[in-house]
Amino acid sequence: MDLNKLENDINQKRKSKNLWLALSLGSFIVVVFFVTIAKLSDGNSIEGFDHTLRPSLIKE
């Protein structure tokens, strides 16, 4: 019947959209991962802002 064909078309479109969404999210995660690795491998010490005196700010 036409109903089965319509249902198959809807499922195929949904599957295609889900695939593109998964690829988009995956690529975003990969980009964030590589940016994080690039920032960490810069060689500088990473210090959070915790309202305390940081030793790296003290000039000798």
N, C-alpha and C. Protein backbone atom coordinates (compact mmCIF):
# COMPACT_ATOMS: atom_id res chain seq x y z
N MET A 1 0.83 -1.20 0.00
CA MET A 1 0.00 0.00 0.00
C MET A 1 0.87 1.25 0.00
N ASP A 2 0.22 2.34 -0.18
CA ASP A 2 0.94 3.62 -0.16
C ASP A 2 1.37 4.01 1.25
N LEU A 3 0.65 3.50 2.24
CA LEU A 3 0.98 3.84 3.62
C LEU A 3 2.35 3.29 4.01
N ASN A 4 2.65 2.07 3.60
CA ASN A 4 3.96 1.48 3.91
C ASN A 4 5.08 2.24 3.22
N LYS A 5 4.85 2.64 1.97
CA LYS A 5 5.86 3.40 1.24
C LYS A 5 6.10 4.75 1.90
N LEU A 6 5.03 5.41 2.32
CA LEU A 6 5.14 6.69 3.01
C LEU A 6 5.89 6.53 4.32
N GLU A 7 5.59 5.46 5.05
CA GLU A 7 6.26 5.21 6.33
C GLU A 7 7.75 4.94 6.12
N ASN A 8 8.07 4.19 5.06
CA ASN A 8 9.48 3.91 4.76
C ASN A 8 10.22 5.19 4.37
N ASP A 9 9.57 6.06 3.62
CA ASP A 9 10.19 7.32 3.23
C ASP A 9 10.46 8.20 4.45
N ILE A 10 9.50 8.24 5.35
CA ILE A 10 9.66 9.04 6.58
C ILE A 10 10.82 8.49 7.41
N ASN A 11 10.88 7.15 7.55
CA ASN A 11 11.96 6.54 8.33
C ASN A 11 13.32 6.78 7.68
N GLN A 12 13.37 6.76 6.35
CA GLN A 12 14.63 6.99 5.65
C GLN A 12 15.08 8.44 5.83
N LYS A 13 14.17 9.38 5.76
CA LYS A 13 14.53 10.79 5.97
C LYS A 13 14.98 11.01 7.41
N ARG A 14 14.29 10.39 8.35
CA ARG A 14 14.65 10.53 9.76
C ARG A 14 16.04 9.95 10.02
N LYS A 15 16.32 8.81 9.40
CA LYS A 15 17.63 8.18 9.57
C LYS A 15 18.73 9.07 9.00
N SER A 16 18.46 9.70 7.86
CA SER A 16 19.44 10.58 7.24
C SER A 16 19.70 11.81 8.11
N LYS A 17 18.65 12.40 8.65
CA LYS A 17 18.82 13.56 9.53
C LYS A 17 19.57 13.20 10.80
N ASN A 18 19.27 12.02 11.35
CA ASN A 18 19.98 11.58 12.55
C ASN A 18 21.45 11.34 12.28
N LEU A 19 21.76 10.82 11.09
CA LEU A 19 23.16 10.60 10.73
C LEU A 19 23.91 11.92 10.64
N TRP A 20 23.31 12.92 9.99
CA TRP A 20 23.96 14.24 9.88
C TRP A 20 24.11 14.89 11.24
N LEU A 21 23.11 14.73 12.10
CA LEU A 21 23.21 15.28 13.45
C LEU A 21 24.34 14.61 14.23
N ALA A 22 24.46 13.30 14.11
CA ALA A 22 25.53 12.57 14.81
C ALA A 22 26.90 12.99 14.28
N LEU A 23 27.02 13.15 12.98
CA LEU A 23 28.29 13.59 12.41
C LEU A 23 28.65 15.01 12.85
N SER A 24 27.65 15.88 12.91
CA SER A 24 27.90 17.26 13.35
C SER A 24 28.35 17.29 14.81
N LEU A 25 27.65 16.57 15.66
CA LEU A 25 28.03 16.54 17.08
C LEU A 25 29.40 15.91 17.28
N GLY A 26 29.66 14.85 16.55
CA GLY A 26 30.96 14.19 16.65
C GLY A 26 32.10 15.10 16.22
N SER A 27 31.89 15.83 15.12
CA SER A 27 32.94 16.75 14.66
C SER A 27 33.13 17.89 15.65
N PHE A 28 32.07 18.37 16.28
CA PHE A 28 32.19 19.41 17.29
C PHE A 28 33.01 18.91 18.47
N ILE A 29 32.76 17.68 18.89
CA ILE A 29 33.51 17.11 20.01
C ILE A 29 34.98 16.96 19.65
N VAL A 30 35.26 16.56 18.42
CA VAL A 30 36.65 16.41 17.98
C VAL A 30 37.36 17.76 17.96
N VAL A 31 36.68 18.81 17.50
CA VAL A 31 37.28 20.14 17.46
C VAL A 31 37.57 20.63 18.88
N VAL A 32 36.63 20.44 19.79
CA VAL A 32 36.84 20.86 21.18
C VAL A 32 38.00 20.08 21.79
N PHE A 33 38.10 18.80 21.50
CA PHE A 33 39.20 17.98 22.02
C PHE A 33 40.55 18.50 21.52
N PHE A 34 40.64 18.78 20.21
CA PHE A 34 41.92 19.25 19.67
C PHE A 34 42.28 20.65 20.17
N VAL A 35 41.30 21.51 20.38
CA VAL A 35 41.58 22.83 20.94
C VAL A 35 42.10 22.67 22.37
N THR A 36 41.50 21.76 23.12
CA THR A 36 41.95 21.52 24.49
C THR A 36 43.38 20.97 24.50
N ILE A 37 43.67 20.03 23.63
CA ILE A 37 45.03 19.48 23.55
C ILE A 37 46.02 20.57 23.16
N ALA A 38 45.65 21.44 22.23
CA ALA A 38 46.55 22.51 21.81
C ALA A 38 46.82 23.48 22.95
N LYS A 39 45.80 23.78 23.74
CA LYS A 39 46.00 24.69 24.87
C LYS A 39 46.86 24.03 25.95
N LEU A 40 46.67 22.74 26.19
CA LEU A 40 47.44 22.05 27.22
C LEU A 40 48.89 21.85 26.81
N SER A 41 49.13 21.66 25.52
CA SER A 41 50.50 21.39 25.08
C SER A 41 51.29 22.67 24.83
N ASP A 42 50.73 23.80 25.18
CA ASP A 42 51.41 25.08 25.00
C ASP A 42 52.63 25.18 25.92
N GLY A 43 52.64 24.45 27.00
CA GLY A 43 53.79 24.45 27.91
C GLY A 43 53.57 25.32 29.13
N ASN A 44 52.59 26.18 29.10
CA ASN A 44 52.31 27.03 30.26
C ASN A 44 51.54 26.24 31.30
N SER A 45 51.72 26.61 32.55
CA SER A 45 50.92 25.96 33.57
C SER A 45 49.52 26.56 33.55
N ILE A 46 48.56 25.70 33.67
CA ILE A 46 47.17 26.14 33.66
C ILE A 46 46.72 26.32 35.11
N GLU A 47 46.36 27.54 35.44
CA GLU A 47 45.94 27.84 36.80
C GLU A 47 44.53 28.39 36.76
N GLY A 48 43.68 27.83 37.59
CA GLY A 48 42.31 28.30 37.65
C GLY A 48 42.21 29.58 38.47
N PHE A 49 41.12 30.28 38.31
CA PHE A 49 40.89 31.50 39.07
C PHE A 49 40.14 31.11 40.34
N ASP A 50 40.88 30.97 41.45
CA ASP A 50 40.26 30.51 42.69
C ASP A 50 40.42 31.52 43.82
N HIS A 51 40.67 32.78 43.49
CA HIS A 51 40.76 33.88 44.45
C HIS A 51 41.88 33.69 45.47
N THR A 52 42.94 33.07 45.05
CA THR A 52 44.10 32.92 45.92
C THR A 52 45.32 33.48 45.20
N LEU A 53 46.37 33.72 45.97
CA LEU A 53 47.61 34.22 45.41
C LEU A 53 48.29 33.10 44.62
N ARG A 54 48.60 33.40 43.37
CA ARG A 54 49.27 32.42 42.55
C ARG A 54 50.76 32.68 42.57
N PRO A 55 51.54 31.64 42.80
CA PRO A 55 53.01 31.82 42.85
C PRO A 55 53.59 32.34 41.55
N SER A 56 52.95 32.07 40.44
CA SER A 56 53.51 32.50 39.16
C SER A 56 53.39 34.02 38.97
N LEU A 57 52.56 34.69 39.78
CA LEU A 57 52.40 36.14 39.67
C LEU A 57 53.42 36.91 40.51
N ILE A 58 54.08 36.22 41.42
CA ILE A 58 55.04 36.87 42.30
C ILE A 58 56.35 37.06 41.53
N LYS A 59 56.81 38.30 41.46
CA LYS A 59 58.07 38.59 40.78
C LYS A 59 59.21 38.43 41.77
N GLU A 60 60.26 37.83 41.31
CA GLU A 60 61.39 37.59 42.21
C GLU A 60 62.40 38.70 42.09
